[in-house]
Amino acid sequence: MTNLLLFLPSGSEWIIIGLIVLLIFGPKKIPELMKGLGKGVKSFKDGINEAKEELKDTKEEIDKPADKTKNEDSESTSKEEKK
C-alpha cells in the first residue's frame, strides 16, 4: 500500500499537471472535458451501485429458501413432539 502512495502526485505536481492540461486544451475546452469526466464517474458509480443491489438481491434469494427450510423443519419437529 505504501508503495502505491509513492507514485501519486503531490500538491505541487497537481498544479503543474493542471497547467499542462490548460496549455494543451485551452480554457474553452476544459469545462467540456470536466463535464465528460463527471458523466463518466457518475456512470461508473451507477454501475457499481447496480452491481451491489444485484448481489444483495441474490443473497436475499439464496437466504430465503434456507429460512423457509428451517421453518418447515421446526414445524415438523414441533408436530412430532405433540404426538
C-alpha atoms as a PDB file:
ATOM      1  CA  MET A   1       0.000   0.000   0.000  1.00  0.00           C
ATOM      2  CA  THR A   2       2.768   2.443   0.865  1.00  0.00           C
ATOM      3  CA  ASN A   3       4.472   1.686  -2.465  1.00  0.00           C
ATOM      4  CA  LEU A   4       1.330   2.822  -4.271  1.00  0.00           C
ATOM      5  CA  LEU A   5       1.354   6.156  -2.435  1.00  0.00           C
ATOM      6  CA  LEU A   6       4.847   6.869  -3.749  1.00  0.00           C
ATOM      7  CA  PHE A   7       3.522   7.140  -7.302  1.00  0.00           C
ATOM      8  CA  LEU A   8       0.633   9.534  -6.582  1.00  0.00           C
ATOM      9  CA  PRO A   9       1.267  13.215  -7.380  1.00  0.00           C
ATOM     10  CA  SER A  10       1.614  15.654  -4.502  1.00  0.00           C
ATOM     11  CA  GLY A  11       0.115  19.182  -4.337  1.00  0.00           C
ATOM     12  CA  SER A  12       2.703  20.993  -6.450  1.00  0.00           C
ATOM     13  CA  GLU A  13       2.677  18.219  -9.053  1.00  0.00           C
ATOM     14  CA  TRP A  14      -1.118  18.590  -9.440  1.00  0.00           C
ATOM     15  CA  ILE A  15      -0.632  22.302 -10.156  1.00  0.00           C
ATOM     16  CA  ILE A  16       1.913  21.513 -12.867  1.00  0.00           C
ATOM     17  CA  ILE A  17      -0.387  18.869 -14.369  1.00  0.00           C
ATOM     18  CA  GLY A  18      -3.252  21.402 -14.354  1.00  0.00           C
ATOM     19  CA  LEU A  19      -1.143  23.996 -16.137  1.00  0.00           C
ATOM     20  CA  ILE A  20      -0.081  21.477 -18.783  1.00  0.00           C
ATOM     21  CA  VAL A  21      -3.717  20.496 -19.371  1.00  0.00           C
ATOM     22  CA  LEU A  22      -4.632  24.181 -19.644  1.00  0.00           C
ATOM     23  CA  LEU A  23      -1.910  24.750 -22.231  1.00  0.00           C
ATOM     24  CA  ILE A  24      -2.846  21.673 -24.270  1.00  0.00           C
ATOM     25  CA  PHE A  25      -6.630  22.035 -24.340  1.00  0.00           C
ATOM     26  CA  GLY A  26      -7.158  25.736 -23.711  1.00  0.00           C
ATOM     27  CA  PRO A  27      -9.620  27.384 -21.320  1.00  0.00           C
ATOM     28  CA  LYS A  28     -12.674  26.831 -23.542  1.00  0.00           C
ATOM     29  CA  LYS A  29     -12.276  23.075 -23.860  1.00  0.00           C
ATOM     30  CA  ILE A  30     -11.626  22.263 -20.167  1.00  0.00           C
ATOM     31  CA  PRO A  31     -15.265  22.667 -18.974  1.00  0.00           C
ATOM     32  CA  GLU A  32     -16.375  20.229 -21.678  1.00  0.00           C
ATOM     33  CA  LEU A  33     -13.681  17.756 -20.610  1.00  0.00           C
ATOM     34  CA  MET A  34     -14.668  18.037 -16.960  1.00  0.00           C
ATOM     35  CA  LYS A  35     -18.342  17.584 -17.848  1.00  0.00           C
ATOM     36  CA  GLY A  36     -17.485  14.407 -19.758  1.00  0.00           C
ATOM     37  CA  LEU A  37     -15.315  13.199 -16.882  1.00  0.00           C
ATOM     38  CA  GLY A  38     -18.128  13.876 -14.419  1.00  0.00           C
ATOM     39  CA  LYS A  39     -20.599  11.920 -16.530  1.00  0.00           C
ATOM     40  CA  GLY A  40     -18.133   9.042 -16.724  1.00  0.00           C
ATOM     41  CA  VAL A  41     -17.652   8.975 -12.957  1.00  0.00           C
ATOM     42  CA  LYS A  42     -21.425   9.127 -12.393  1.00  0.00           C
ATOM     43  CA  SER A  43     -21.960   6.259 -14.828  1.00  0.00           C
ATOM     44  CA  PHE A  44     -19.269   4.229 -13.063  1.00  0.00           C
ATOM     45  CA  LYS A  45     -20.867   4.855  -9.648  1.00  0.00           C
ATOM     46  CA  ASP A  46     -24.303   3.921 -11.005  1.00  0.00           C
ATOM     47  CA  GLY A  47     -22.865   0.681 -12.352  1.00  0.00           C
ATOM     48  CA  ILE A  48     -21.228  -0.120  -9.015  1.00  0.00           C
ATOM     49  CA  ASN A  49     -24.468   0.595  -7.132  1.00  0.00           C
ATOM     50  CA  GLU A  50     -26.444  -1.569  -9.563  1.00  0.00           C
ATOM     51  CA  ALA A  51     -23.999  -4.441  -9.072  1.00  0.00           C
ATOM     52  CA  LYS A  52     -24.264  -4.068  -5.282  1.00  0.00           C
ATOM     53  CA  GLU A  53     -28.070  -4.184  -5.485  1.00  0.00           C
ATOM     54  CA  GLU A  54     -27.983  -7.315  -7.640  1.00  0.00           C
ATOM     55  CA  LEU A  55     -25.603  -9.004  -5.211  1.00  0.00           C
ATOM     56  CA  LYS A  56     -27.861  -8.021  -2.315  1.00  0.00           C
ATOM     57  CA  ASP A  57     -30.953  -9.364  -4.112  1.00  0.00           C
ATOM     58  CA  THR A  58     -29.164 -12.594  -4.991  1.00  0.00           C
ATOM     59  CA  LYS A  59     -28.056 -13.042  -1.377  1.00  0.00           C
ATOM     60  CA  GLU A  60     -31.629 -12.498  -0.191  1.00  0.00           C
ATOM     61  CA  GLU A  61     -32.913 -15.061  -2.708  1.00  0.00           C
ATOM     62  CA  ILE A  62     -30.338 -17.570  -1.530  1.00  0.00           C
ATOM     63  CA  ASP A  63     -31.182 -16.941   2.122  1.00  0.00           C
ATOM     64  CA  LYS A  64     -34.964 -17.194   1.581  1.00  0.00           C
ATOM     65  CA  PRO A  65     -35.081 -20.912   0.728  1.00  0.00           C
ATOM     66  CA  ALA A  66     -32.735 -21.652   3.616  1.00  0.00           C
ATOM     67  CA  ASP A  67     -35.016 -19.768   6.021  1.00  0.00           C
ATOM     68  CA  LYS A  68     -38.075 -21.494   4.583  1.00  0.00           C
ATOM     69  CA  THR A  69     -36.438 -24.897   5.067  1.00  0.00           C
ATOM     70  CA  LYS A  70     -35.557 -24.033   8.664  1.00  0.00           C
ATOM     71  CA  ASN A  71     -39.171 -23.034   9.363  1.00  0.00           C
ATOM     72  CA  GLU A  72     -40.510 -26.263   7.843  1.00  0.00           C
ATOM     73  CA  ASP A  73     -38.055 -28.322   9.895  1.00  0.00           C
ATOM     74  CA  SER A  74     -39.034 -26.578  13.116  1.00  0.00           C
ATOM     75  CA  GLU A  75     -42.743 -27.037  12.319  1.00  0.00           C
ATOM     76  CA  SER A  76     -42.315 -30.762  11.647  1.00  0.00           C
ATOM     77  CA  THR A  77     -40.313 -31.125  14.858  1.00  0.00           C
ATOM     78  CA  SER A  78     -42.996 -29.383  16.897  1.00  0.00           C
ATOM     79  CA  LYS A  79     -45.696 -31.596  15.330  1.00  0.00           C
ATOM     80  CA  GLU A  80     -43.706 -34.714  16.220  1.00  0.00           C
ATOM     81  CA  GLU A  81     -43.324 -33.515  19.810  1.00  0.00           C
ATOM     82  CA  LYS A  82     -47.100 -33.063  20.144  1.00  0.00           C
ATOM     83  CA  LYS A  83     -47.707 -36.704  19.150  1.00  0.00           C
END
